Amino acid sequence: MGLFLSTFSKISLYKIIRLATLIDLIGSNWVSAIRVAIATPKFYCEKEGALLLPEVAFEKVFNKIEDAIFYRHIVPRWLWKLQKWLQIGPEKSHSESQQIIDKFLHECISSRLLDEEKEKSMFNNNKNDESNFDMFKALVKENGEMKQIDYKFLRDTAINLVVAGRDAISATLSWFFWLISTHPLVEAKILEEIQQNFTTKQENWATLGIKDNLSKLVYLHGAICEALRLFPPVPFEHKCAVESDILPSGVCVSPNTMVYFSLYSMGRMEQIWGKDCLEFKPERWISENGSNIYVPSYKFIAFNAGPRSCLRRNISFIQMKIVTVALLSKFQMNLVEGHRVCPSVSIILHMKHGLKVNVTKRVN
């Protein structure tokens, strides 16, 4: 993994995380995905000493779809509906992008169905073998037979996972690494906690009781929650009233009225988080006895709240902790001098210019 990073290298960590997420959702795992994204020779330019990541058409069209969805939030409904009907402007790009995504997922699903047919005898003979278990096999097991699984259901499930994993996690991790890079004391505490719970020097550390060890990373969990509070991956949301209602503030809401609220602003409000609301302070998530504090979802709303709460909340924390442990335990990252970090205007709180860091192999 450190073969190409043993020398001083400049990379866009944001792109690596997004590419690793895409590889993972297609059919790999987080650790190998990070390894592929960082250490694959064709990504490395010896002349410039930097990682050059390839353009992925499937990944690129998601950016266009996000732009089109954001556009729908700032123009009258009748306007984008008309553009969609006429197939012009952002709506034309949106339709073309949807076709590319559908084609890509169709090829992936078809290929996976063929592979599953070939492995069917092995799968039946090893029903209790979870070493090569994945979401597809889980759906097969749930439905009994592959023929009973609807393609549209598989496609929609895949899109949901890609959207949740590709953007939300990659955006959060980018802001998280930026925050700890600018707060060395926090990084030192996270490293100390990792060393206490992951003492093995074996390469395949992820197989050694990772679930139990990750639950012990209390300070890391608090740091991730703090990053989510300050930089929620979805910075704003809206709800539509089905019937007349009255908000706790006393404001009357008529039927079919769209109510927008900013998660980004709520995470920085003094009346909710106190006078230190603008500080990056993982300690606010840790109790006096050293355990993580439970914060109601209607206060910590990064994963939504109530019946609309994110189903991938727990797995998202696991994935972000795995990536953090895998990277911080091996490498030290420092921001490129003069690189400007600011949020982009989108439905996902990406970094407008990405996150450029200098990476060196960590000396233990």
Protein backbone atom coordinates (compact mmCIF):
# COMPACT_ATOMS: atom_id res chain seq x y z
CA MET A 1 0.00 0.00 0.00
CA GLY A 2 2.81 2.36 0.81
CA LEU A 3 4.91 1.43 -2.22
CA PHE A 4 4.11 4.58 -4.15
CA LEU A 5 3.65 6.79 -1.10
CA SER A 6 7.01 6.08 0.50
CA THR A 7 8.23 9.25 -1.20
CA PHE A 8 6.68 12.68 -0.71
CA SER A 9 3.49 12.69 -2.78
CA LYS A 10 0.72 15.17 -3.46
CA ILE A 11 -2.76 13.71 -3.90
CA SER A 12 -6.39 14.72 -3.93
CA LEU A 13 -7.67 12.74 -0.96
CA TYR A 14 -11.23 13.67 -1.88
CA LYS A 15 -10.95 11.90 -5.26
CA ILE A 16 -9.33 8.83 -3.73
CA ILE A 17 -12.14 8.40 -1.20
CA ARG A 18 -14.83 8.81 -3.85
CA LEU A 19 -13.12 6.32 -6.18
CA ALA A 20 -12.64 3.89 -3.31
CA THR A 21 -16.33 4.21 -2.46
CA LEU A 22 -17.30 3.43 -6.05
CA ILE A 23 -15.02 0.38 -6.16
CA ASP A 24 -16.46 -0.83 -2.88
CA LEU A 25 -20.09 -0.57 -3.97
CA ILE A 26 -19.43 -2.36 -7.23
CA GLY A 27 -18.03 -5.37 -5.47
CA SER A 28 -14.90 -4.96 -3.40
CA ASN A 29 -14.27 -3.87 0.15
CA TRP A 30 -13.13 -0.67 1.79
CA VAL A 31 -9.61 -1.74 2.64
CA SER A 32 -8.81 -3.18 -0.78
CA ALA A 33 -10.62 -0.26 -2.42
CA ILE A 34 -8.38 2.23 -0.65
CA ARG A 35 -5.37 0.11 -1.57
CA VAL A 36 -6.43 0.07 -5.24
CA ALA A 37 -7.15 3.80 -5.29
CA ILE A 38 -3.81 4.71 -3.73
CA ALA A 39 -1.30 2.10 -4.80
CA THR A 40 -2.24 1.14 -8.35
CA PRO A 41 0.74 2.05 -10.56
CA LYS A 42 -1.29 3.48 -13.43
CA PHE A 43 -2.64 6.13 -11.05
CA TYR A 44 0.86 7.29 -10.18
CA CYS A 45 2.83 9.81 -12.21
CA GLU A 46 6.52 9.44 -11.39
CA LYS A 47 7.43 12.59 -13.30
CA GLU A 48 5.23 14.83 -11.20
CA GLY A 49 5.22 12.71 -8.06
CA ALA A 50 1.43 12.73 -7.87
CA LEU A 51 -1.48 10.38 -8.16
CA LEU A 52 -3.53 10.70 -11.33
CA LEU A 53 -6.96 9.11 -11.03
CA PRO A 54 -8.83 8.04 -14.18
CA GLU A 55 -12.18 9.49 -15.19
CA VAL A 56 -15.06 7.09 -14.57
CA ALA A 57 -18.11 7.83 -16.75
CA PHE A 58 -20.50 6.32 -14.21
CA GLU A 59 -19.03 8.45 -11.42
CA LYS A 60 -18.95 11.60 -13.55
CA VAL A 61 -22.64 11.55 -14.49
CA PHE A 62 -23.62 11.56 -10.82
CA ASN A 63 -22.17 15.06 -10.57
CA LYS A 64 -24.43 16.17 -13.43
CA ILE A 65 -27.46 14.63 -11.76
CA GLU A 66 -26.65 16.44 -8.51
CA ASP A 67 -26.41 19.73 -10.39
CA ALA A 68 -29.78 19.09 -12.05
CA ILE A 69 -31.44 18.24 -8.73
CA PHE A 70 -30.01 21.37 -7.11
CA TYR A 71 -31.30 23.38 -10.10
CA ARG A 72 -34.79 22.07 -9.38
CA HIS A 73 -34.59 23.56 -5.90
CA ILE A 74 -33.89 27.11 -7.12
CA VAL A 75 -36.25 27.49 -10.09
CA PRO A 76 -40.06 27.33 -10.23
CA ARG A 77 -41.45 23.81 -10.54
CA TRP A 78 -43.23 24.62 -13.80
CA LEU A 79 -39.95 25.73 -15.40
CA TRP A 80 -37.94 22.54 -14.84
CA LYS A 81 -41.02 20.46 -15.69
CA LEU A 82 -41.24 22.29 -19.01
CA GLN A 83 -37.52 21.80 -19.65
CA LYS A 84 -37.90 18.11 -18.90
CA TRP A 85 -40.76 17.81 -21.38
CA LEU A 86 -38.81 19.71 -24.05
CA GLN A 87 -35.56 17.94 -23.13
CA ILE A 88 -33.51 21.11 -22.89
CA GLY A 89 -31.10 22.67 -20.39
CA PRO A 90 -30.13 20.79 -17.21
CA GLU A 91 -33.07 18.40 -17.64
CA LYS A 92 -31.64 17.07 -20.90
CA SER A 93 -28.33 16.38 -19.17
CA HIS A 94 -30.23 14.75 -16.30
CA SER A 95 -32.05 12.35 -18.64
CA GLU A 96 -28.84 11.42 -20.48
CA SER A 97 -27.06 10.78 -17.18
CA GLN A 98 -29.87 8.54 -15.98
CA GLN A 99 -29.54 6.43 -19.12
CA ILE A 100 -25.79 6.00 -18.56
CA ILE A 101 -26.35 4.95 -14.94
CA ASP A 102 -29.11 2.52 -15.89
CA LYS A 103 -26.92 0.94 -18.60
CA PHE A 104 -23.97 0.58 -16.25
CA LEU A 105 -26.03 -1.01 -13.48
CA HIS A 106 -27.78 -3.30 -15.96
CA GLU A 107 -24.39 -4.62 -17.09
CA CYS A 108 -23.23 -5.08 -13.48
CA ILE A 109 -26.41 -6.90 -12.45
CA SER A 110 -26.45 -9.11 -15.54
CA SER A 111 -22.81 -10.03 -15.02
CA ARG A 112 -23.45 -10.78 -11.34
CA LEU A 113 -26.40 -12.99 -12.22
CA LEU A 114 -24.21 -15.03 -14.57
CA ASP A 115 -21.48 -15.33 -11.95
CA GLU A 116 -24.03 -16.42 -9.38
CA GLU A 117 -25.29 -19.16 -11.71
CA LYS A 118 -21.74 -20.48 -12.09
CA GLU A 119 -21.19 -20.43 -8.34
CA LYS A 120 -24.60 -21.85 -7.51
CA SER A 121 -23.38 -25.34 -6.67
CA MET A 122 -20.60 -23.96 -4.49
CA PHE A 123 -23.02 -21.55 -2.83
CA ASN A 124 -25.46 -24.37 -2.02
CA ASN A 125 -22.72 -26.53 -0.59
CA ASN A 126 -21.42 -23.75 1.64
CA LYS A 127 -24.52 -22.05 2.96
CA ASN A 128 -22.82 -21.14 6.21
CA ASP A 129 -19.71 -19.73 4.54
CA GLU A 130 -19.78 -15.94 5.00
CA SER A 131 -16.26 -15.26 3.76
CA ASN A 132 -17.54 -14.29 0.32
CA PHE A 133 -20.97 -13.02 1.30
CA ASP A 134 -22.31 -9.81 -0.26
CA MET A 135 -25.52 -7.82 -0.71
CA PHE A 136 -26.46 -9.69 -3.88
CA LYS A 137 -26.28 -13.06 -2.14
CA ALA A 138 -28.26 -11.64 0.77
CA LEU A 139 -31.07 -10.68 -1.63
CA VAL A 140 -30.94 -14.11 -3.25
CA LYS A 141 -31.14 -15.76 0.16
CA GLU A 142 -34.06 -13.53 1.17
CA ASN A 143 -36.07 -14.22 -2.01
CA GLY A 144 -35.19 -17.86 -2.41
CA GLU A 145 -34.40 -17.87 -6.13
CA MET A 146 -32.62 -15.43 -8.42
CA LYS A 147 -35.50 -15.51 -10.90
CA GLN A 148 -37.81 -14.07 -8.24
CA ILE A 149 -35.69 -10.93 -7.87
CA ASP A 150 -36.98 -8.03 -9.93
CA TYR A 151 -34.30 -6.18 -11.94
CA LYS A 152 -35.83 -2.79 -11.15
CA PHE A 153 -35.65 -3.60 -7.44
CA LEU A 154 -31.96 -4.52 -7.74
CA ARG A 155 -31.23 -1.38 -9.77
CA ASP A 156 -33.02 0.94 -7.34
CA THR A 157 -31.32 -0.74 -4.36
CA ALA A 158 -27.93 -0.32 -6.02
CA ILE A 159 -28.60 3.36 -6.79
CA ASN A 160 -29.61 4.00 -3.18
CA LEU A 161 -26.40 2.41 -1.92
CA VAL A 162 -24.24 4.25 -4.45
CA VAL A 163 -25.82 7.63 -3.66
CA ALA A 164 -25.51 7.07 0.09
CA GLY A 165 -21.97 5.69 -0.05
CA ARG A 166 -20.40 7.61 -2.91
CA ASP A 167 -21.29 11.13 -1.88
CA ALA A 168 -22.31 11.20 1.77
CA ILE A 169 -19.38 9.16 3.09
CA SER A 170 -16.74 10.59 0.77
CA ALA A 171 -17.81 14.18 1.50
CA THR A 172 -17.86 13.54 5.25
CA LEU A 173 -14.43 11.88 5.23
CA SER A 174 -12.96 14.75 3.22
CA TRP A 175 -14.15 17.31 5.77
CA PHE A 176 -13.10 15.00 8.60
CA PHE A 177 -9.52 14.67 7.34
CA TRP A 178 -9.36 18.42 6.77
CA LEU A 179 -10.51 19.07 10.32
CA ILE A 180 -8.00 16.72 11.96
CA SER A 181 -5.24 18.06 9.70
CA THR A 182 -5.93 21.53 11.10
CA HIS A 183 -6.28 20.19 14.68
CA PRO A 184 -3.08 18.19 15.43
CA LEU A 185 -4.04 17.54 19.07
CA VAL A 186 -7.23 15.79 17.93
CA GLU A 187 -5.25 13.75 15.42
CA ALA A 188 -2.78 12.72 18.14
CA LYS A 189 -5.60 11.51 20.41
CA ILE A 190 -7.17 9.52 17.56
CA LEU A 191 -3.81 7.92 16.75
CA GLU A 192 -3.27 7.01 20.40
CA GLU A 193 -6.69 5.38 20.53
CA ILE A 194 -6.04 3.44 17.31
CA GLN A 195 -2.69 2.16 18.61
CA GLN A 196 -4.30 1.00 21.83
CA ASN A 197 -6.98 -1.02 20.05
CA PHE A 198 -5.17 -2.10 16.87
CA THR A 199 -1.78 -3.26 18.09
CA THR A 200 -1.23 -5.90 15.40
CA LYS A 201 1.38 -5.22 12.73
CA GLN A 202 -0.08 -7.76 10.35
CA GLU A 203 -1.06 -6.45 6.92
CA ASN A 204 -4.57 -7.88 7.07
CA TRP A 205 -5.49 -6.13 10.32
CA ALA A 206 -9.13 -5.75 9.22
CA THR A 207 -9.86 -9.44 9.85
CA LEU A 208 -8.85 -9.34 13.51
CA GLY A 209 -12.05 -8.72 15.48
CA ILE A 210 -12.65 -5.42 13.74
CA LYS A 211 -16.24 -4.98 14.88
CA ASP A 212 -15.36 -5.22 18.57
CA ASN A 213 -12.28 -3.04 18.20
CA LEU A 214 -14.12 -0.31 16.29
CA SER A 215 -16.69 0.00 19.07
CA LYS A 216 -13.82 0.90 21.42
CA LEU A 217 -12.82 3.93 19.33
CA VAL A 218 -14.84 6.37 21.43
CA TYR A 219 -12.82 9.49 20.63
CA LEU A 220 -12.78 8.70 16.89
CA HIS A 221 -16.56 8.27 16.97
CA GLY A 222 -16.90 11.66 18.64
CA ALA A 223 -14.61 13.28 16.06
CA ILE A 224 -16.67 11.87 13.18
CA CYS A 225 -19.91 13.06 14.80
CA GLU A 226 -18.37 16.50 15.25
CA ALA A 227 -17.39 16.58 11.56
CA LEU A 228 -20.95 15.58 10.64
CA ARG A 229 -22.34 18.33 12.86
CA LEU A 230 -20.21 21.06 11.29
CA PHE A 231 -20.29 19.71 7.73
CA PRO A 232 -23.38 17.52 7.19
CA PRO A 233 -23.15 15.76 3.79
CA VAL A 234 -26.68 16.95 2.96
CA PRO A 235 -26.59 20.66 3.92
CA PHE A 236 -30.31 21.36 3.47
CA GLU A 237 -33.56 19.45 3.14
CA HIS A 238 -37.21 20.14 2.55
CA LYS A 239 -40.52 18.68 3.65
CA CYS A 240 -43.94 19.12 2.10
CA ALA A 241 -47.03 19.44 4.27
CA VAL A 242 -49.80 16.98 3.35
CA GLU A 243 -52.29 18.75 5.59
CA SER A 244 -52.47 22.06 7.44
CA ASP A 245 -50.16 22.09 10.42
CA ILE A 246 -48.67 24.41 13.02
CA LEU A 247 -44.94 24.34 13.72
CA PRO A 248 -43.62 24.52 17.32
CA SER A 249 -42.71 28.15 16.61
CA GLY A 250 -46.38 28.93 15.96
CA VAL A 251 -46.01 29.33 12.20
CA CYS A 252 -48.98 27.96 10.25
CA VAL A 253 -48.17 25.70 7.28
CA SER A 254 -50.75 25.24 4.53
CA PRO A 255 -51.20 22.00 2.55
CA ASN A 256 -48.65 21.43 -0.24
CA THR A 257 -46.34 24.06 1.27
CA MET A 258 -42.65 23.27 0.95
CA VAL A 259 -40.64 23.91 4.11
CA TYR A 260 -36.86 24.17 3.75
CA PHE A 261 -34.44 23.80 6.65
CA SER A 262 -30.67 24.02 6.77
CA LEU A 263 -28.80 21.21 8.51
CA TYR A 264 -25.59 23.18 8.01
CA SER A 265 -26.99 26.15 9.96
CA MET A 266 -28.59 24.02 12.67
CA GLY A 267 -25.23 22.42 13.42
CA ARG A 268 -23.76 25.87 14.12
CA MET A 269 -26.55 27.42 16.20
CA GLU A 270 -25.57 28.61 19.65
CA GLN A 271 -28.99 27.91 21.14
CA ILE A 272 -28.65 24.24 20.14
CA TRP A 273 -24.94 23.49 20.69
CA GLY A 274 -23.78 26.21 23.06
CA LYS A 275 -21.31 29.07 22.82
CA ASP A 276 -18.58 26.79 21.44
CA CYS A 277 -20.80 25.71 18.54
CA LEU A 278 -18.26 26.81 15.93
CA GLU A 279 -15.40 24.84 17.50
CA PHE A 280 -14.30 21.37 16.39
CA LYS A 281 -14.59 19.65 19.75
CA PRO A 282 -14.94 15.82 19.79
CA GLU A 283 -15.08 15.94 23.60
CA ARG A 284 -18.69 17.19 23.44
CA TRP A 285 -19.66 13.66 22.35
CA ILE A 286 -17.94 11.90 25.25
CA SER A 287 -19.37 11.52 28.76
CA GLU A 288 -17.45 11.76 32.03
CA ASN A 289 -17.23 7.95 32.26
CA GLY A 290 -15.56 7.78 28.84
CA SER A 291 -18.47 6.52 26.71
CA ASN A 292 -20.17 8.20 23.76
CA ILE A 293 -23.09 10.48 24.58
CA TYR A 294 -26.43 9.80 22.92
CA VAL A 295 -27.76 12.87 21.12
CA PRO A 296 -31.38 12.83 19.86
CA SER A 297 -31.73 12.65 16.09
CA TYR A 298 -33.85 15.82 16.05
CA LYS A 299 -30.83 17.67 17.44
CA PHE A 300 -28.06 15.81 15.60
CA ILE A 301 -29.88 15.65 12.29
CA ALA A 302 -27.08 14.61 9.91
CA PHE A 303 -28.80 11.23 9.43
CA ASN A 304 -32.29 12.74 9.33
CA ALA A 305 -34.79 11.97 12.09
CA GLY A 306 -37.84 9.94 13.01
CA PRO A 307 -39.23 7.52 10.41
CA ARG A 308 -36.97 9.11 7.77
CA SER A 309 -33.76 8.25 9.61
CA CYS A 310 -30.94 6.89 7.45
CA LEU A 311 -30.94 3.08 7.38
CA ARG A 312 -27.17 3.05 6.76
CA ARG A 313 -26.26 5.07 9.84
CA ASN A 314 -24.44 2.27 11.64
CA ILE A 315 -22.68 0.86 8.58
CA SER A 316 -21.66 4.40 7.61
CA PHE A 317 -19.88 4.86 10.92
CA ILE A 318 -18.17 1.49 10.49
CA GLN A 319 -16.98 2.38 6.98
CA MET A 320 -15.69 5.80 8.01
CA LYS A 321 -13.84 4.32 11.00
CA ILE A 322 -12.25 1.62 8.83
CA VAL A 323 -11.00 4.18 6.31
CA THR A 324 -9.68 6.43 9.08
CA VAL A 325 -7.84 3.61 10.83
CA ALA A 326 -6.44 2.31 7.52
CA LEU A 327 -5.09 5.72 6.47
CA LEU A 328 -4.05 7.39 9.72
CA SER A 329 -2.23 4.33 11.05
CA LYS A 330 -0.04 4.22 7.92
CA PHE A 331 0.22 7.77 6.62
CA GLN A 332 0.56 11.35 7.77
CA MET A 333 -1.37 13.94 5.78
CA ASN A 334 -0.67 17.66 5.69
CA LEU A 335 -2.61 20.24 3.72
CA VAL A 336 -0.95 21.62 0.61
CA GLU A 337 0.17 25.15 1.38
CA GLY A 338 -2.09 27.75 -0.19
CA HIS A 339 -4.84 25.26 -1.06
CA ARG A 340 -8.23 26.85 -0.50
CA VAL A 341 -10.86 24.70 1.19
CA CYS A 342 -14.48 25.82 0.89
CA PRO A 343 -17.88 24.12 0.37
CA SER A 344 -19.52 23.89 -3.02
CA VAL A 345 -23.10 24.97 -3.70
CA SER A 346 -24.86 21.65 -4.24
CA ILE A 347 -27.27 19.19 -2.68
CA ILE A 348 -24.17 17.43 -1.30
CA LEU A 349 -21.65 19.40 0.74
CA HIS A 350 -18.60 18.61 -1.39
CA MET A 351 -15.36 20.55 -1.24
CA LYS A 352 -15.38 23.00 -4.12
CA HIS A 353 -11.68 22.52 -4.92
CA GLY A 354 -11.23 19.08 -3.39
CA LEU A 355 -8.80 18.31 -0.58
CA LYS A 356 -5.14 18.40 -1.60
CA VAL A 357 -2.73 16.96 0.89
CA ASN A 358 0.92 16.00 1.12
CA VAL A 359 1.24 12.39 2.21
CA THR A 360 4.22 10.73 3.86
CA LYS A 361 4.52 7.25 5.27
CA ARG A 362 4.12 7.39 9.03
CA VAL A 363 7.17 6.41 11.04
CA ASN A 364 6.12 4.49 14.15
